[in-house]
Amino acid sequence: MQVELIEAIVLRTLAAAVLGAAIGMQRELVHRPAGLRTHMLVSLAACAFAEAVYGLQSDRIIAGVATGVGFLGAGAIVRQGLTASGLTTAASIWVAAAVGVCAGVGTPAALLAAIVVTVATVIALGIADWRVAAFVRAEHRLQVIVRFDVSETTAEAVREQLAKHFAKVRFVSCIAFERTGERLVSSVSYDLGVRGDRELWERLAALGKSPGVMGIDVA
């Protein structure tokens, strides 16, 4: 009986390690801060807590694990201005802990749930990372300098015209004012988010025909 109990504990612990490592490996492959070792250790720790109270009232232990992992996940989140990074890493750590608890409980249903959750998580994270990487590769930044007659149009009107052709348009700065004959010409720099170059020049040419626009230079 004692041997069977030890074997069951070893198998549950190995299952937690393997399942946690599966999640961690996916994060390691996409070069995230929390990788193989972190997820494996989180899953093992959660499994150990679940095994320690096996057969007893375990809701408090599980609540403690959830609280501890919450603090650990919060440490992976970094706020940069109005945006935050590391949310997916924090979520994957949370899932690794849940997988460890499921493996530590030891019932076939819990272990099956852990396997299903792990597989679903790895697939979902892989798809999400692939789509984000594809989006980043497809979009690049381009800076253009637009010269226009201030008596016929404004910097804001030019920005609105650019916004019709480009997804992201940001006003950078007003570079210079110059007088050409009786015209007062302003040169303004804009930062554009460009996805593909196929229609870039056609779009810029269309902007060049707008009232008051005298020329466009790509920085």
N, C-alpha and C. Protein backbone atom coordinates (compact mmCIF):
# COMPACT_ATOMS: atom_id res chain seq x y z
N MET A 1 0.84 -1.20 0.00
CA MET A 1 0.00 0.00 0.00
C MET A 1 0.87 1.25 0.00
N GLN A 2 1.92 1.23 0.84
CA GLN A 2 2.82 2.36 0.92
C GLN A 2 3.56 2.56 -0.40
N VAL A 3 3.95 1.44 -1.03
CA VAL A 3 4.65 1.53 -2.32
C VAL A 3 3.74 2.11 -3.39
N GLU A 4 2.50 1.68 -3.40
CA GLU A 4 1.54 2.20 -4.38
C GLU A 4 1.31 3.69 -4.19
N LEU A 5 1.26 4.12 -2.92
CA LEU A 5 1.07 5.55 -2.64
C LEU A 5 2.26 6.36 -3.15
N ILE A 6 3.47 5.85 -2.89
CA ILE A 6 4.68 6.55 -3.35
C ILE A 6 4.71 6.62 -4.87
N GLU A 7 4.35 5.51 -5.52
CA GLU A 7 4.33 5.49 -6.98
C GLU A 7 3.32 6.50 -7.53
N ALA A 8 2.17 6.59 -6.88
CA ALA A 8 1.15 7.54 -7.33
C ALA A 8 1.64 8.98 -7.19
N ILE A 9 2.32 9.27 -6.06
CA ILE A 9 2.84 10.62 -5.84
C ILE A 9 3.90 10.96 -6.89
N VAL A 10 4.79 9.99 -7.15
CA VAL A 10 5.85 10.22 -8.15
C VAL A 10 5.25 10.47 -9.53
N LEU A 11 4.25 9.67 -9.90
CA LEU A 11 3.62 9.83 -11.20
C LEU A 11 2.91 11.18 -11.32
N ARG A 12 2.23 11.59 -10.24
CA ARG A 12 1.54 12.89 -10.27
C ARG A 12 2.56 14.03 -10.38
N THR A 13 3.67 13.89 -9.65
CA THR A 13 4.70 14.93 -9.70
C THR A 13 5.33 15.01 -11.08
N LEU A 14 5.62 13.86 -11.68
CA LEU A 14 6.18 13.85 -13.03
C LEU A 14 5.20 14.44 -14.04
N ALA A 15 3.92 14.12 -13.86
CA ALA A 15 2.91 14.68 -14.76
C ALA A 15 2.87 16.19 -14.66
N ALA A 16 2.94 16.72 -13.43
CA ALA A 16 2.95 18.17 -13.24
C ALA A 16 4.18 18.79 -13.89
N ALA A 17 5.34 18.14 -13.73
CA ALA A 17 6.58 18.67 -14.31
C ALA A 17 6.51 18.70 -15.84
N VAL A 18 6.03 17.60 -16.42
CA VAL A 18 5.95 17.52 -17.89
C VAL A 18 4.95 18.53 -18.45
N LEU A 19 3.79 18.64 -17.81
CA LEU A 19 2.77 19.56 -18.30
C LEU A 19 3.20 21.01 -18.13
N GLY A 20 3.82 21.31 -17.00
CA GLY A 20 4.34 22.67 -16.80
C GLY A 20 5.45 22.99 -17.79
N ALA A 21 6.30 21.99 -18.05
CA ALA A 21 7.39 22.19 -19.02
C ALA A 21 6.86 22.42 -20.42
N ALA A 22 5.73 21.78 -20.76
CA ALA A 22 5.15 21.96 -22.09
C ALA A 22 4.74 23.41 -22.31
N ILE A 23 4.12 24.01 -21.29
CA ILE A 23 3.75 25.42 -21.39
C ILE A 23 5.00 26.29 -21.42
N GLY A 24 5.95 25.99 -20.53
CA GLY A 24 7.17 26.78 -20.46
C GLY A 24 8.00 26.71 -21.73
N MET A 25 8.02 25.55 -22.38
CA MET A 25 8.78 25.41 -23.62
C MET A 25 8.23 26.32 -24.71
N GLN A 26 6.91 26.41 -24.78
CA GLN A 26 6.31 27.29 -25.78
C GLN A 26 6.70 28.74 -25.53
N ARG A 27 6.71 29.15 -24.26
CA ARG A 27 7.11 30.53 -23.94
C ARG A 27 8.60 30.73 -24.18
N GLU A 28 9.39 29.68 -23.95
CA GLU A 28 10.84 29.75 -24.19
C GLU A 28 11.13 29.94 -25.68
N LEU A 29 10.39 29.26 -26.52
CA LEU A 29 10.62 29.31 -27.97
C LEU A 29 10.34 30.69 -28.55
N VAL A 30 9.45 31.44 -27.91
CA VAL A 30 9.14 32.79 -28.40
C VAL A 30 9.87 33.85 -27.57
N HIS A 31 10.87 33.40 -26.80
CA HIS A 31 11.79 34.30 -26.08
C HIS A 31 11.07 35.20 -25.08
N ARG A 32 10.21 34.60 -24.26
CA ARG A 32 9.54 35.36 -23.21
C ARG A 32 10.34 35.23 -21.91
N PRO A 33 10.21 36.22 -20.98
CA PRO A 33 11.02 36.20 -19.75
C PRO A 33 10.82 34.94 -18.92
N ALA A 34 9.58 34.52 -18.72
CA ALA A 34 9.30 33.31 -17.95
C ALA A 34 9.22 32.13 -18.91
N GLY A 35 10.19 31.21 -18.80
CA GLY A 35 10.26 30.13 -19.76
C GLY A 35 10.07 28.76 -19.14
N LEU A 36 10.88 27.82 -19.59
CA LEU A 36 10.75 26.41 -19.21
C LEU A 36 10.87 26.20 -17.71
N ARG A 37 11.94 26.71 -17.11
CA ARG A 37 12.18 26.46 -15.69
C ARG A 37 11.11 27.09 -14.80
N THR A 38 10.73 28.33 -15.13
CA THR A 38 9.73 29.02 -14.30
C THR A 38 8.40 28.27 -14.30
N HIS A 39 7.91 27.91 -15.47
CA HIS A 39 6.62 27.23 -15.54
C HIS A 39 6.67 25.84 -14.92
N MET A 40 7.79 25.15 -15.10
CA MET A 40 7.93 23.82 -14.50
C MET A 40 7.93 23.92 -12.98
N LEU A 41 8.67 24.90 -12.43
CA LEU A 41 8.73 25.06 -10.98
C LEU A 41 7.37 25.47 -10.41
N VAL A 42 6.66 26.35 -11.10
CA VAL A 42 5.33 26.76 -10.63
C VAL A 42 4.39 25.57 -10.61
N SER A 43 4.40 24.77 -11.67
CA SER A 43 3.54 23.59 -11.73
C SER A 43 3.91 22.58 -10.65
N LEU A 44 5.21 22.36 -10.44
CA LEU A 44 5.66 21.43 -9.40
C LEU A 44 5.26 21.90 -8.01
N ALA A 45 5.42 23.20 -7.75
CA ALA A 45 5.07 23.74 -6.43
C ALA A 45 3.57 23.60 -6.17
N ALA A 46 2.76 23.91 -7.17
CA ALA A 46 1.31 23.78 -7.00
C ALA A 46 0.92 22.32 -6.78
N CYS A 47 1.59 21.42 -7.50
CA CYS A 47 1.33 19.99 -7.32
C CYS A 47 1.71 19.54 -5.91
N ALA A 48 2.84 20.03 -5.41
CA ALA A 48 3.30 19.65 -4.07
C ALA A 48 2.31 20.11 -3.00
N PHE A 49 1.79 21.33 -3.14
CA PHE A 49 0.79 21.82 -2.19
C PHE A 49 -0.47 20.96 -2.23
N ALA A 50 -0.90 20.59 -3.44
CA ALA A 50 -2.10 19.76 -3.57
C ALA A 50 -1.88 18.37 -2.98
N GLU A 51 -0.69 17.80 -3.18
CA GLU A 51 -0.39 16.48 -2.63
C GLU A 51 -0.29 16.50 -1.11
N ALA A 52 0.16 17.64 -0.57
CA ALA A 52 0.34 17.73 0.88
C ALA A 52 -0.98 17.62 1.63
N VAL A 53 -2.07 18.00 0.98
CA VAL A 53 -3.38 17.96 1.64
C VAL A 53 -4.28 16.93 0.95
N TYR A 54 -3.68 15.96 0.28
CA TYR A 54 -4.45 14.96 -0.46
C TYR A 54 -5.38 14.21 0.50
N GLY A 55 -6.64 14.17 0.16
CA GLY A 55 -7.62 13.49 0.99
C GLY A 55 -8.20 14.35 2.09
N LEU A 56 -7.69 15.55 2.27
CA LEU A 56 -8.19 16.48 3.28
C LEU A 56 -8.93 17.62 2.60
N GLN A 57 -9.41 18.57 3.41
CA GLN A 57 -10.07 19.74 2.85
C GLN A 57 -9.00 20.63 2.22
N SER A 58 -9.03 20.73 0.91
CA SER A 58 -7.92 21.37 0.20
C SER A 58 -8.27 22.75 -0.37
N ASP A 59 -9.48 23.24 -0.12
CA ASP A 59 -9.86 24.49 -0.74
C ASP A 59 -8.99 25.65 -0.28
N ARG A 60 -8.59 25.66 1.00
CA ARG A 60 -7.75 26.75 1.51
C ARG A 60 -6.36 26.70 0.88
N ILE A 61 -5.81 25.50 0.72
CA ILE A 61 -4.49 25.38 0.11
C ILE A 61 -4.54 25.86 -1.34
N ILE A 62 -5.57 25.46 -2.05
CA ILE A 62 -5.70 25.89 -3.44
C ILE A 62 -5.86 27.41 -3.52
N ALA A 63 -6.62 27.98 -2.58
CA ALA A 63 -6.77 29.43 -2.55
C ALA A 63 -5.43 30.11 -2.29
N GLY A 64 -4.62 29.50 -1.40
CA GLY A 64 -3.29 30.04 -1.13
C GLY A 64 -2.39 29.98 -2.35
N VAL A 65 -2.47 28.86 -3.08
CA VAL A 65 -1.69 28.73 -4.31
C VAL A 65 -2.10 29.80 -5.31
N ALA A 66 -3.40 30.01 -5.47
CA ALA A 66 -3.90 31.02 -6.41
C ALA A 66 -3.41 32.41 -6.03
N THR A 67 -3.40 32.71 -4.72
CA THR A 67 -2.93 34.02 -4.27
C THR A 67 -1.45 34.20 -4.55
N GLY A 68 -0.66 33.17 -4.22
CA GLY A 68 0.78 33.26 -4.45
C GLY A 68 1.13 33.40 -5.92
N VAL A 69 0.46 32.65 -6.75
CA VAL A 69 0.72 32.73 -8.19
C VAL A 69 0.26 34.08 -8.73
N GLY A 70 -0.78 34.65 -8.13
CA GLY A 70 -1.21 35.98 -8.54
C GLY A 70 -0.12 37.02 -8.34
N PHE A 71 0.58 36.96 -7.21
CA PHE A 71 1.69 37.88 -6.97
C PHE A 71 2.83 37.62 -7.95
N LEU A 72 3.10 36.35 -8.23
CA LEU A 72 4.16 36.00 -9.17
C LEU A 72 3.83 36.51 -10.57
N GLY A 73 2.58 36.33 -10.98
CA GLY A 73 2.17 36.82 -12.29
C GLY A 73 2.21 38.33 -12.39
N ALA A 74 1.87 39.01 -11.28
CA ALA A 74 1.92 40.47 -11.29
C ALA A 74 3.33 40.98 -11.51
N GLY A 75 4.32 40.22 -11.04
CA GLY A 75 5.71 40.62 -11.25
C GLY A 75 6.14 40.53 -12.69
N ALA A 76 5.42 39.75 -13.50
CA ALA A 76 5.77 39.62 -14.92
C ALA A 76 5.16 40.73 -15.77
N ILE A 77 4.24 41.51 -15.19
CA ILE A 77 3.56 42.56 -15.95
C ILE A 77 4.34 43.86 -15.80
N VAL A 78 4.65 44.47 -16.93
CA VAL A 78 5.39 45.73 -16.95
C VAL A 78 4.53 46.78 -17.63
N ARG A 79 4.35 47.90 -16.94
CA ARG A 79 3.55 48.98 -17.53
C ARG A 79 4.47 49.98 -18.21
N GLN A 80 4.11 50.31 -19.47
CA GLN A 80 4.87 51.28 -20.25
C GLN A 80 3.90 52.33 -20.77
N GLY A 81 3.86 53.47 -20.09
CA GLY A 81 2.91 54.51 -20.48
C GLY A 81 1.48 54.04 -20.26
N LEU A 82 0.70 54.07 -21.34
CA LEU A 82 -0.70 53.65 -21.26
C LEU A 82 -0.88 52.18 -21.59
N THR A 83 0.19 51.48 -21.93
CA THR A 83 0.09 50.07 -22.30
C THR A 83 0.82 49.21 -21.27
N ALA A 84 0.50 47.93 -21.27
CA ALA A 84 1.14 46.98 -20.35
C ALA A 84 1.58 45.76 -21.14
N SER A 85 2.76 45.24 -20.82
CA SER A 85 3.27 44.04 -21.45
C SER A 85 3.45 42.96 -20.39
N GLY A 86 3.48 41.71 -20.82
CA GLY A 86 3.66 40.60 -19.90
C GLY A 86 2.38 39.96 -19.43
N LEU A 87 1.23 40.42 -19.95
CA LEU A 87 -0.05 39.86 -19.51
C LEU A 87 -0.18 38.39 -19.90
N THR A 88 0.27 38.05 -21.11
CA THR A 88 0.18 36.65 -21.55
C THR A 88 1.09 35.76 -20.73
N THR A 89 2.27 36.27 -20.40
CA THR A 89 3.20 35.51 -19.55
C THR A 89 2.59 35.27 -18.18
N ALA A 90 1.97 36.29 -17.61
CA ALA A 90 1.32 36.14 -16.31
C ALA A 90 0.19 35.11 -16.38
N ALA A 91 -0.57 35.15 -17.47
CA ALA A 91 -1.66 34.19 -17.63
C ALA A 91 -1.14 32.76 -17.78
N SER A 92 -0.02 32.60 -18.50
CA SER A 92 0.54 31.25 -18.67
C SER A 92 1.08 30.70 -17.35
N ILE A 93 1.62 31.57 -16.50
CA ILE A 93 2.06 31.13 -15.17
C ILE A 93 0.86 30.68 -14.34
N TRP A 94 -0.23 31.41 -14.45
CA TRP A 94 -1.47 31.05 -13.74
C TRP A 94 -1.97 29.68 -14.19
N VAL A 95 -1.95 29.44 -15.49
CA VAL A 95 -2.40 28.15 -16.03
C VAL A 95 -1.47 27.03 -15.57
N ALA A 96 -0.16 27.29 -15.54
CA ALA A 96 0.80 26.27 -15.08
C ALA A 96 0.49 25.86 -13.64
N ALA A 97 0.12 26.83 -12.80
CA ALA A 97 -0.25 26.50 -11.42
C ALA A 97 -1.53 25.67 -11.38
N ALA A 98 -2.51 26.03 -12.19
CA ALA A 98 -3.76 25.26 -12.24
C ALA A 98 -3.51 23.83 -12.70
N VAL A 99 -2.63 23.67 -13.67
CA VAL A 99 -2.28 22.34 -14.17
C VAL A 99 -1.61 21.53 -13.06
N GLY A 100 -0.72 22.17 -12.31
CA GLY A 100 -0.05 21.49 -11.20
C GLY A 100 -1.03 21.02 -10.14
N VAL A 101 -2.00 21.87 -9.81
CA VAL A 101 -3.02 21.49 -8.82
C VAL A 101 -3.84 20.31 -9.33
N CYS A 102 -4.24 20.35 -10.60
CA CYS A 102 -5.02 19.25 -11.18
C CYS A 102 -4.24 17.94 -11.14
N ALA A 103 -2.95 18.01 -11.45
CA ALA A 103 -2.13 16.80 -11.40
C ALA A 103 -1.95 16.32 -9.97
N GLY A 104 -1.81 17.26 -9.03
CA GLY A 104 -1.59 16.89 -7.64
C GLY A 104 -2.80 16.28 -6.97
N VAL A 105 -3.99 16.65 -7.40
CA VAL A 105 -5.21 16.08 -6.83
C VAL A 105 -5.25 14.58 -7.08
N GLY A 106 -4.78 14.16 -8.25
CA GLY A 106 -4.56 12.74 -8.49
C GLY A 106 -5.68 11.95 -9.08
N THR A 107 -6.87 12.48 -9.20
CA THR A 107 -7.96 11.72 -9.80
C THR A 107 -7.81 11.70 -11.32
N PRO A 108 -8.26 10.66 -11.99
CA PRO A 108 -8.14 10.59 -13.45
C PRO A 108 -8.80 11.78 -14.16
N ALA A 109 -9.94 12.20 -13.64
CA ALA A 109 -10.65 13.32 -14.26
C ALA A 109 -9.82 14.60 -14.17
N ALA A 110 -9.20 14.84 -12.99
CA ALA A 110 -8.38 16.04 -12.82
C ALA A 110 -7.15 15.99 -13.71
N LEU A 111 -6.51 14.83 -13.81
CA LEU A 111 -5.33 14.70 -14.65
C LEU A 111 -5.68 14.89 -16.12
N LEU A 112 -6.82 14.34 -16.54
CA LEU A 112 -7.27 14.54 -17.92
C LEU A 112 -7.54 16.01 -18.19
N ALA A 113 -8.14 16.68 -17.20
CA ALA A 113 -8.40 18.12 -17.34
C ALA A 113 -7.09 18.88 -17.48
N ALA A 114 -6.07 18.48 -16.71
CA ALA A 114 -4.76 19.14 -16.78
C ALA A 114 -4.15 18.97 -18.17
N ILE A 115 -4.25 17.77 -18.72
CA ILE A 115 -3.69 17.52 -20.05
C ILE A 115 -4.41 18.35 -21.11
N VAL A 116 -5.74 18.36 -21.04
CA VAL A 116 -6.52 19.13 -22.01
C VAL A 116 -6.20 20.61 -21.92
N VAL A 117 -6.13 21.14 -20.68
CA VAL A 117 -5.82 22.56 -20.48
C VAL A 117 -4.44 22.88 -21.03
N THR A 118 -3.46 22.01 -20.78
CA THR A 118 -2.11 22.26 -21.26
C THR A 118 -2.05 22.30 -22.78
N VAL A 119 -2.64 21.30 -23.41
CA VAL A 119 -2.62 21.24 -24.88
C VAL A 119 -3.32 22.46 -25.47
N ALA A 120 -4.48 22.80 -24.92
CA ALA A 120 -5.23 23.96 -25.42
C ALA A 120 -4.44 25.25 -25.23
N THR A 121 -3.77 25.37 -24.08
CA THR A 121 -2.99 26.57 -23.80
C THR A 121 -1.81 26.71 -24.75
N VAL A 122 -1.07 25.63 -24.96
CA VAL A 122 0.09 25.67 -25.85
C VAL A 122 -0.34 26.03 -27.27
N ILE A 123 -1.44 25.43 -27.74
CA ILE A 123 -1.92 25.73 -29.09
C ILE A 123 -2.38 27.19 -29.19
N ALA A 124 -3.14 27.64 -28.19
CA ALA A 124 -3.66 29.02 -28.22
C ALA A 124 -2.53 30.03 -28.16
N LEU A 125 -1.54 29.81 -27.29
CA LEU A 125 -0.42 30.74 -27.20
C LEU A 125 0.39 30.74 -28.48
N GLY A 126 0.57 29.57 -29.08
CA GLY A 126 1.31 29.50 -30.33
C GLY A 126 0.63 30.29 -31.44
N ILE A 127 -0.70 30.14 -31.55
CA ILE A 127 -1.44 30.88 -32.57
C ILE A 127 -1.38 32.38 -32.30
N ALA A 128 -1.55 32.77 -31.03
CA ALA A 128 -1.52 34.19 -30.68
C ALA A 128 -0.16 34.81 -30.99
N ASP A 129 0.92 34.13 -30.62
CA ASP A 129 2.26 34.66 -30.89
C ASP A 129 2.53 34.74 -32.39
N TRP A 130 2.04 33.75 -33.15
CA TRP A 130 2.25 33.76 -34.59
C TRP A 130 1.53 34.93 -35.24
N ARG A 131 0.30 35.19 -34.81
CA ARG A 131 -0.48 36.28 -35.39
C ARG A 131 0.13 37.64 -35.03
N VAL A 132 0.59 37.79 -33.79
CA VAL A 132 1.22 39.05 -33.39
C VAL A 132 2.50 39.27 -34.18
N ALA A 133 3.32 38.22 -34.31
CA ALA A 133 4.57 38.34 -35.06
C ALA A 133 4.30 38.69 -36.52
N ALA A 134 3.28 38.08 -37.11
CA ALA A 134 2.94 38.37 -38.50
C ALA A 134 2.48 39.82 -38.65
N PHE A 135 1.73 40.31 -37.66
CA PHE A 135 1.25 41.70 -37.72
C PHE A 135 2.42 42.67 -37.61
N VAL A 136 3.35 42.39 -36.70
CA VAL A 136 4.51 43.28 -36.51
C VAL A 136 5.37 43.30 -37.76
N ARG A 137 5.58 42.11 -38.38
CA ARG A 137 6.39 42.06 -39.59
C ARG A 137 5.72 42.81 -40.74
N ALA A 138 4.40 42.74 -40.78
CA ALA A 138 3.68 43.35 -41.91
C ALA A 138 3.65 44.86 -41.82
N GLU A 139 3.71 45.41 -40.61
CA GLU A 139 3.60 46.85 -40.45
C GLU A 139 4.96 47.46 -40.14
N HIS A 140 5.27 48.57 -40.80
CA HIS A 140 6.49 49.30 -40.48
C HIS A 140 6.17 50.79 -40.47
N ARG A 141 7.08 51.55 -39.88
CA ARG A 141 6.87 52.99 -39.73
C ARG A 141 7.55 53.74 -40.87
N LEU A 142 6.93 54.81 -41.30
CA LEU A 142 7.46 55.64 -42.38
C LEU A 142 7.21 57.09 -42.02
N GLN A 143 8.24 57.91 -42.19
CA GLN A 143 8.11 59.34 -41.89
C GLN A 143 8.10 60.12 -43.20
N VAL A 144 7.12 60.98 -43.34
CA VAL A 144 7.02 61.81 -44.54
C VAL A 144 6.97 63.28 -44.13
N ILE A 145 7.47 64.12 -45.01
CA ILE A 145 7.44 65.57 -44.80
C ILE A 145 6.55 66.17 -45.88
N VAL A 146 5.49 66.82 -45.45
CA VAL A 146 4.51 67.40 -46.38
C VAL A 146 4.67 68.91 -46.38
N ARG A 147 4.82 69.48 -47.57
CA ARG A 147 4.89 70.94 -47.73
C ARG A 147 3.56 71.43 -48.29
N PHE A 148 3.00 72.44 -47.63
CA PHE A 148 1.69 72.94 -48.06
C PHE A 148 1.59 74.44 -47.85
N ASP A 149 0.69 75.04 -48.62
CA ASP A 149 0.40 76.47 -48.54
C ASP A 149 -0.54 76.70 -47.36
N VAL A 150 -0.10 77.47 -46.38
CA VAL A 150 -0.89 77.65 -45.16
C VAL A 150 -2.16 78.45 -45.41
N SER A 151 -2.23 79.13 -46.55
CA SER A 151 -3.46 79.89 -46.86
C SER A 151 -4.55 78.99 -47.43
N GLU A 152 -4.18 77.77 -47.84
CA GLU A 152 -5.14 76.87 -48.46
C GLU A 152 -5.48 75.65 -47.60
N THR A 153 -4.60 75.26 -46.71
CA THR A 153 -4.87 74.09 -45.87
C THR A 153 -4.10 74.22 -44.56
N THR A 154 -4.29 73.26 -43.68
CA THR A 154 -3.63 73.28 -42.37
C THR A 154 -2.98 71.92 -42.10
N ALA A 155 -2.15 71.88 -41.06
CA ALA A 155 -1.49 70.62 -40.68
C ALA A 155 -2.52 69.57 -40.27
N GLU A 156 -3.58 69.99 -39.61
CA GLU A 156 -4.62 69.04 -39.19
C GLU A 156 -5.39 68.50 -40.40
N ALA A 157 -5.65 69.36 -41.38
CA ALA A 157 -6.34 68.91 -42.58
C ALA A 157 -5.50 67.90 -43.36
N VAL A 158 -4.19 68.14 -43.41
CA VAL A 158 -3.29 67.19 -44.06
C VAL A 158 -3.29 65.86 -43.31
N ARG A 159 -3.29 65.93 -41.98
CA ARG A 159 -3.31 64.70 -41.19
C ARG A 159 -4.59 63.91 -41.45
N GLU A 160 -5.70 64.60 -41.57
CA GLU A 160 -6.97 63.92 -41.86
C GLU A 160 -6.93 63.26 -43.24
N GLN A 161 -6.29 63.92 -44.21
CA GLN A 161 -6.15 63.32 -45.53
C GLN A 161 -5.28 62.06 -45.47
N LEU A 162 -4.20 62.12 -44.69
CA LEU A 162 -3.34 60.95 -44.52
C LEU A 162 -4.08 59.81 -43.84
N ALA A 163 -4.93 60.16 -42.87
CA ALA A 163 -5.68 59.14 -42.13
C ALA A 163 -6.65 58.37 -43.02
N LYS A 164 -7.02 58.95 -44.16
CA LYS A 164 -7.90 58.24 -45.09
C LYS A 164 -7.18 57.11 -45.80
N HIS A 165 -5.85 57.20 -45.86
CA HIS A 165 -5.06 56.23 -46.63
C HIS A 165 -4.20 55.33 -45.76
N PHE A 166 -3.91 55.76 -44.51
CA PHE A 166 -3.02 54.99 -43.65
C PHE A 166 -3.70 54.75 -42.30
N ALA A 167 -3.44 53.56 -41.73
CA ALA A 167 -4.12 53.17 -40.49
C ALA A 167 -3.70 54.03 -39.31
N LYS A 168 -2.41 54.33 -39.21
CA LYS A 168 -1.90 55.09 -38.08
C LYS A 168 -1.15 56.32 -38.58
N VAL A 169 -1.58 57.47 -38.13
CA VAL A 169 -0.94 58.73 -38.53
C VAL A 169 -0.68 59.54 -37.27
N ARG A 170 0.57 59.97 -37.13
CA ARG A 170 0.93 60.76 -35.94
C ARG A 170 1.68 62.01 -36.38
N PHE A 171 1.23 63.16 -35.90
CA PHE A 171 1.92 64.42 -36.16
C PHE A 171 3.22 64.45 -35.36
N VAL A 172 4.34 64.70 -36.04
CA VAL A 172 5.63 64.71 -35.36
C VAL A 172 6.04 66.13 -35.01
N SER A 173 6.23 66.97 -36.02
CA SER A 173 6.66 68.35 -35.74
C SER A 173 6.50 69.21 -36.98
N CYS A 174 6.46 70.50 -36.73
CA CYS A 174 6.50 71.48 -37.81
C CYS A 174 7.96 71.87 -38.01
N ILE A 175 8.50 71.51 -39.17
CA ILE A 175 9.94 71.67 -39.38
C ILE A 175 10.31 73.11 -39.72
N ALA A 176 9.58 73.73 -40.66
CA ALA A 176 9.98 75.07 -41.09
C ALA A 176 8.83 75.79 -41.78
N PHE A 177 8.96 77.13 -41.80
CA PHE A 177 8.10 77.98 -42.62
C PHE A 177 9.01 78.70 -43.61
N GLU A 178 8.55 78.82 -44.84
CA GLU A 178 9.31 79.57 -45.84
C GLU A 178 8.35 80.30 -46.76
N ARG A 179 8.82 81.43 -47.27
CA ARG A 179 7.97 82.20 -48.17
C ARG A 179 8.44 81.98 -49.60
N THR A 180 7.51 81.53 -50.44
CA THR A 180 7.79 81.31 -51.86
C THR A 180 6.90 82.25 -52.66
N GLY A 181 7.49 83.34 -53.11
CA GLY A 181 6.69 84.36 -53.77
C GLY A 181 5.73 84.97 -52.77
N GLU A 182 4.46 84.87 -53.06
CA GLU A 182 3.44 85.39 -52.15
C GLU A 182 2.89 84.31 -51.23
N ARG A 183 3.40 83.10 -51.35
CA ARG A 183 2.90 81.98 -50.56
C ARG A 183 3.76 81.77 -49.32
N LEU A 184 3.08 81.43 -48.22
CA LEU A 184 3.78 81.02 -47.01
C LEU A 184 3.64 79.50 -46.92
N VAL A 185 4.77 78.80 -47.05
CA VAL A 185 4.77 77.34 -47.13
C VAL A 185 5.27 76.75 -45.81
N SER A 186 4.53 75.80 -45.30
CA SER A 186 4.92 75.11 -44.07
C SER A 186 5.35 73.68 -44.41
N SER A 187 6.39 73.20 -43.73
CA SER A 187 6.85 71.81 -43.88
C SER A 187 6.59 71.08 -42.57
N VAL A 188 5.75 70.06 -42.62
CA VAL A 188 5.34 69.33 -41.42
C VAL A 188 5.68 67.86 -41.58
N SER A 189 6.20 67.27 -40.49
CA SER A 189 6.59 65.86 -40.50
C SER A 189 5.50 65.01 -39.86
N TYR A 190 5.18 63.88 -40.52
CA TYR A 190 4.18 62.93 -40.01
C TYR A 190 4.79 61.53 -39.96
N ASP A 191 4.38 60.78 -38.95
CA ASP A 191 4.81 59.39 -38.80
C ASP A 191 3.64 58.49 -39.21
N LEU A 192 3.87 57.58 -40.17
CA LEU A 192 2.80 56.75 -40.72
C LEU A 192 3.03 55.28 -40.39
N GLY A 193 1.94 54.56 -40.15
CA GLY A 193 1.99 53.11 -40.03
C GLY A 193 1.63 52.50 -41.37
N VAL A 194 2.59 51.82 -42.00
CA VAL A 194 2.41 51.30 -43.36
C VAL A 194 2.42 49.79 -43.33
N ARG A 195 1.43 49.19 -43.99
CA ARG A 195 1.35 47.73 -44.12
C ARG A 195 1.48 47.39 -45.61
N GLY A 196 2.71 47.03 -46.01
CA GLY A 196 2.96 46.71 -47.42
C GLY A 196 3.24 47.96 -48.23
N ASP A 197 4.02 47.82 -49.29
CA ASP A 197 4.42 48.96 -50.12
C ASP A 197 3.68 49.02 -51.45
N ARG A 198 2.75 48.09 -51.68
CA ARG A 198 2.12 47.97 -52.99
C ARG A 198 1.42 49.25 -53.39
N GLU A 199 0.66 49.86 -52.47
CA GLU A 199 -0.12 51.05 -52.81
C GLU A 199 0.41 52.30 -52.13
N LEU A 200 1.62 52.22 -51.59
CA LEU A 200 2.16 53.35 -50.83
C LEU A 200 2.29 54.58 -51.71
N TRP A 201 2.95 54.44 -52.85
CA TRP A 201 3.22 55.61 -53.68
C TRP A 201 1.95 56.15 -54.32
N GLU A 202 1.01 55.25 -54.64
CA GLU A 202 -0.27 55.73 -55.17
C GLU A 202 -1.01 56.57 -54.14
N ARG A 203 -0.93 56.15 -52.88
CA ARG A 203 -1.60 56.90 -51.81
C ARG A 203 -0.95 58.25 -51.59
N LEU A 204 0.38 58.26 -51.61
CA LEU A 204 1.09 59.54 -51.44
C LEU A 204 0.82 60.45 -52.63
N ALA A 205 0.75 59.88 -53.83
CA ALA A 205 0.45 60.68 -55.02
C ALA A 205 -0.95 61.28 -54.93
N ALA A 206 -1.89 60.51 -54.39
CA ALA A 206 -3.25 61.02 -54.21
C ALA A 206 -3.26 62.19 -53.23
N LEU A 207 -2.45 62.08 -52.17
CA LEU A 207 -2.36 63.18 -51.21
C LEU A 207 -1.75 64.40 -51.87
N GLY A 208 -0.77 64.19 -52.77
CA GLY A 208 -0.11 65.31 -53.44
C GLY A 208 -1.05 66.14 -54.29
N LYS A 209 -2.20 65.57 -54.67
CA LYS A 209 -3.18 66.29 -55.47
C LYS A 209 -4.20 67.05 -54.62
N SER A 210 -4.07 66.94 -53.29
CA SER A 210 -5.01 67.62 -52.40
C SER A 210 -4.78 69.13 -52.46
N PRO A 211 -5.82 69.92 -52.24
CA PRO A 211 -5.69 71.38 -52.29
C PRO A 211 -4.64 71.89 -51.29
N GLY A 212 -3.75 72.73 -51.78
CA GLY A 212 -2.75 73.34 -50.92
C GLY A 212 -1.47 72.56 -50.76
N VAL A 213 -1.48 71.26 -51.04
CA VAL A 213 -0.27 70.44 -50.89
C VAL A 213 0.66 70.71 -52.06
N MET A 214 1.92 71.06 -51.75
CA MET A 214 2.87 71.44 -52.78
C MET A 214 3.94 70.37 -53.01
N GLY A 215 4.10 69.45 -52.07
CA GLY A 215 5.11 68.41 -52.26
C GLY A 215 5.18 67.49 -51.06
N ILE A 216 5.65 66.27 -51.31
CA ILE A 216 5.79 65.26 -50.26
C ILE A 216 7.16 64.62 -50.38
N ASP A 217 7.89 64.58 -49.29
CA ASP A 217 9.20 63.93 -49.25
C ASP A 217 9.17 62.80 -48.24
N VAL A 218 9.78 61.68 -48.58
CA VAL A 218 9.91 60.55 -47.66
C VAL A 218 11.22 60.69 -46.91
N ALA A 219 11.14 60.77 -45.58
CA ALA A 219 12.36 60.98 -44.78
C ALA A 219 13.18 59.70 -44.70
